[in-house]
């Protein structure tokens, strides 16, 4: 039952305290901040800055979105089964309003390239749809939608106040 004497040289004893904000004490918050740091560094290396989108007037929680997508079976499975509205509900967004498709586009634009990078795959090397040479050489046929430019604006008073004032000034001269 030997206990060594307390031996700290007070004159030579130094340590650097780590400043830790109250909201960073929880382990989950540290994991979340670490994820955001990694994704921000990834986009910085791509030559762009990470812009976190707003959905329904609140900042999109990229960490939770990524975590839920993984829990739901991954991006491909959610797209195949059309479960983006379920992802939106799990994130606390109201049903309807097309928030699922909005989350999908944000995921595709911000997180999916990062996940692909993390998995070691390459976005550039993914094979595109195979086009046989016969189809490639076929001549372009314009679609049947009339051109918007061909529709002339009505001559009625659909102009703003400034446009009316400018028309009056032109006719005065």
Protein backbone atom coordinates (compact mmCIF):
# COMPACT_ATOMS: atom_id res chain seq x y z
CA UNK A 1 0.00 0.00 0.00
CA UNK A 2 2.76 2.38 -0.97
CA UNK A 3 1.68 5.90 -2.00
CA UNK A 4 4.23 8.20 -3.62
CA UNK A 5 4.62 11.68 -2.21
CA UNK A 6 2.90 14.48 -4.09
CA UNK A 7 5.65 15.75 -6.37
CA UNK A 8 4.74 18.63 -8.63
CA UNK A 9 7.27 21.34 -9.14
CA UNK A 10 5.03 24.39 -8.98
CA UNK A 11 7.69 26.64 -10.53
CA UNK A 12 8.08 24.43 -13.63
CA UNK A 13 4.52 23.17 -13.92
CA UNK A 14 2.80 24.56 -17.03
CA UNK A 15 -0.26 23.56 -18.96
CA UNK A 16 -2.29 25.16 -21.71
CA UNK A 17 -5.98 25.31 -20.91
CA UNK A 18 -8.29 24.50 -23.79
CA UNK A 19 -11.06 27.00 -24.30
CA UNK A 20 -14.28 25.10 -24.81
CA UNK A 21 -17.58 26.81 -25.36
CA UNK A 22 -20.53 25.53 -23.40
CA UNK A 23 -22.33 24.29 -26.52
CA UNK A 24 -19.26 22.22 -27.52
CA UNK A 25 -19.13 20.15 -24.34
CA UNK A 26 -21.53 17.51 -25.62
CA UNK A 27 -19.85 14.76 -27.67
CA UNK A 28 -22.60 14.83 -30.31
CA UNK A 29 -21.99 18.54 -30.90
CA UNK A 30 -18.26 17.89 -31.35
CA UNK A 31 -19.02 15.18 -33.92
CA UNK A 32 -21.35 17.58 -35.74
CA UNK A 33 -18.77 20.41 -35.74
CA UNK A 34 -16.10 17.98 -36.94
CA UNK A 35 -18.35 16.93 -39.85
CA UNK A 36 -19.01 20.57 -40.78
CA UNK A 37 -15.27 21.32 -40.61
CA UNK A 38 -14.51 18.37 -42.90
CA UNK A 39 -17.15 19.30 -45.45
CA UNK A 40 -16.06 22.96 -45.39
CA UNK A 41 -12.41 21.91 -45.98
CA UNK A 42 -13.54 19.62 -48.81
CA UNK A 43 -15.32 22.48 -50.60
CA UNK A 44 -12.37 24.79 -49.92
CA UNK A 45 -10.10 22.26 -51.66
CA UNK A 46 -12.54 22.20 -54.58
CA UNK A 47 -12.00 25.95 -54.91
CA UNK A 48 -15.38 26.97 -53.56
CA UNK A 49 -16.80 27.96 -50.20
CA UNK A 50 -19.44 26.03 -48.31
CA UNK A 51 -22.72 27.91 -48.30
CA UNK A 52 -25.18 26.30 -45.92
CA UNK A 53 -28.65 26.66 -47.41
CA UNK A 54 -31.81 27.84 -45.62
CA UNK A 55 -34.92 25.69 -45.76
CA UNK A 56 -38.21 27.05 -44.40
CA UNK A 57 -36.43 30.11 -42.97
CA UNK A 58 -33.99 28.05 -40.89
CA UNK A 59 -30.44 26.91 -41.57
CA UNK A 60 -30.29 23.37 -42.95
CA UNK A 61 -28.60 20.98 -40.51
CA UNK A 62 -26.21 19.27 -42.93
CA UNK A 63 -24.97 16.81 -40.30
CA UNK A 64 -28.48 15.59 -39.44
CA UNK A 65 -29.44 15.43 -43.12
CA UNK A 66 -26.38 13.27 -43.86
CA UNK A 67 -27.00 11.07 -40.81
CA UNK A 68 -30.67 10.49 -41.73
CA UNK A 69 -29.78 9.71 -45.36
CA UNK A 70 -27.32 7.07 -44.11
CA UNK A 71 -29.91 5.65 -41.66
CA UNK A 72 -32.52 5.46 -44.43
CA UNK A 73 -30.21 3.33 -46.57
CA UNK A 74 -28.21 5.92 -48.50
CA UNK A 75 -28.80 8.39 -51.30
CA UNK A 76 -29.50 5.84 -54.05
CA UNK A 77 -32.04 3.91 -51.93
CA UNK A 78 -33.92 7.08 -50.94
CA UNK A 79 -34.06 8.23 -54.56
CA UNK A 80 -35.16 4.80 -55.78
CA UNK A 81 -37.94 4.52 -53.16
CA UNK A 82 -38.82 8.25 -53.32
CA UNK A 83 -38.47 8.78 -49.58
CA UNK A 84 -37.18 12.37 -49.55
CA UNK A 85 -40.42 13.60 -47.96
CA UNK A 86 -39.82 11.10 -45.14
CA UNK A 87 -36.31 12.52 -44.70
CA UNK A 88 -37.85 16.01 -44.53
CA UNK A 89 -40.30 14.89 -41.83
CA UNK A 90 -37.51 13.27 -39.80
CA UNK A 91 -35.66 16.60 -39.92
CA UNK A 92 -38.77 18.27 -38.47
CA UNK A 93 -40.12 19.96 -41.59
CA UNK A 94 -43.89 20.01 -42.21
CA UNK A 95 -45.23 17.47 -44.71
CA UNK A 96 -46.10 18.62 -48.21
CA UNK A 97 -44.71 21.85 -49.68
CA UNK A 98 -42.14 19.92 -51.75
CA UNK A 99 -39.44 20.21 -49.06
CA UNK A 100 -38.29 16.66 -49.81
CA UNK A 101 -37.22 17.53 -53.34
CA UNK A 102 -35.57 20.71 -52.05
CA UNK A 103 -33.58 18.64 -49.52
CA UNK A 104 -32.63 16.24 -52.30
CA UNK A 105 -31.23 19.05 -54.44
CA UNK A 106 -29.29 20.49 -51.47
CA UNK A 107 -27.95 17.01 -50.63
CA UNK A 108 -26.90 16.43 -54.25
CA UNK A 109 -25.19 19.80 -54.48
CA UNK A 110 -23.48 19.99 -51.07
CA UNK A 111 -23.13 16.58 -49.39
CA UNK A 112 -23.17 13.98 -52.19
CA UNK A 113 -19.84 15.09 -53.77
CA UNK A 114 -18.27 15.03 -50.27
CA UNK A 115 -19.64 11.53 -49.55
CA UNK A 116 -18.39 10.31 -52.93
CA UNK A 117 -14.96 11.75 -52.13
CA UNK A 118 -14.99 10.12 -48.67
CA UNK A 119 -15.87 6.73 -50.14
CA UNK A 120 -12.90 6.97 -52.51
CA UNK A 121 -14.99 7.02 -55.67
CA UNK A 122 -14.59 9.70 -58.29
CA UNK A 123 -17.42 11.79 -59.71
CA UNK A 124 -15.52 12.36 -62.95
CA UNK A 125 -14.98 8.66 -63.65
CA UNK A 126 -18.60 7.54 -63.33
CA UNK A 127 -19.77 6.25 -66.70
CA UNK A 128 -22.49 8.29 -68.32
CA UNK A 129 -25.34 6.89 -70.38
CA UNK A 130 -24.11 4.90 -73.34
CA UNK A 131 -24.95 6.57 -76.64
CA UNK A 132 -24.51 4.52 -79.78
CA UNK A 133 -23.03 6.35 -82.76
CA UNK A 134 -26.26 6.11 -84.76
CA UNK A 135 -28.18 8.02 -82.09
CA UNK A 136 -25.36 10.56 -81.73
CA UNK A 137 -25.32 11.34 -85.46
CA UNK A 138 -29.08 11.79 -85.72
CA UNK A 139 -30.08 15.34 -86.55
CA UNK A 140 -31.48 17.62 -83.86
CA UNK A 141 -35.24 18.10 -84.06
CA UNK A 142 -36.58 21.17 -82.23
CA UNK A 143 -39.23 20.51 -79.59
CA UNK A 144 -42.85 21.50 -80.09
CA UNK A 145 -42.94 24.11 -77.29
CA UNK A 146 -43.44 27.57 -78.85
CA UNK A 147 -40.64 30.00 -78.19
CA UNK A 148 -41.31 32.45 -75.42
CA UNK A 149 -39.77 35.26 -77.45
CA UNK A 150 -42.42 34.83 -80.15
CA UNK A 151 -45.17 35.85 -77.68
CA UNK A 152 -45.45 39.62 -77.79
CA UNK A 153 -46.36 41.51 -74.59
CA UNK A 154 -49.79 43.08 -74.63
CA UNK A 155 -50.01 46.76 -75.49
CA UNK A 156 -52.40 47.37 -72.59
CA UNK A 157 -51.31 49.20 -69.45
CA UNK A 158 -49.16 46.39 -68.08
CA UNK A 159 -46.12 48.66 -67.73
CA UNK A 160 -44.97 50.00 -64.39
CA UNK A 161 -45.27 53.66 -63.37
CA UNK A 162 -41.73 54.47 -64.45
CA UNK A 163 -42.29 52.99 -67.89
CA UNK A 164 -45.44 55.12 -68.31
CA UNK A 165 -43.52 58.22 -67.29
CA UNK A 166 -40.74 57.40 -69.76
CA UNK A 167 -43.28 56.83 -72.54
CA UNK A 168 -44.90 60.20 -71.76
CA UNK A 169 -41.49 61.93 -71.86
CA UNK A 170 -40.62 60.30 -75.22
CA UNK A 171 -43.97 61.36 -76.77
CA UNK A 172 -43.52 64.96 -75.48
CA UNK A 173 -40.23 65.38 -77.39
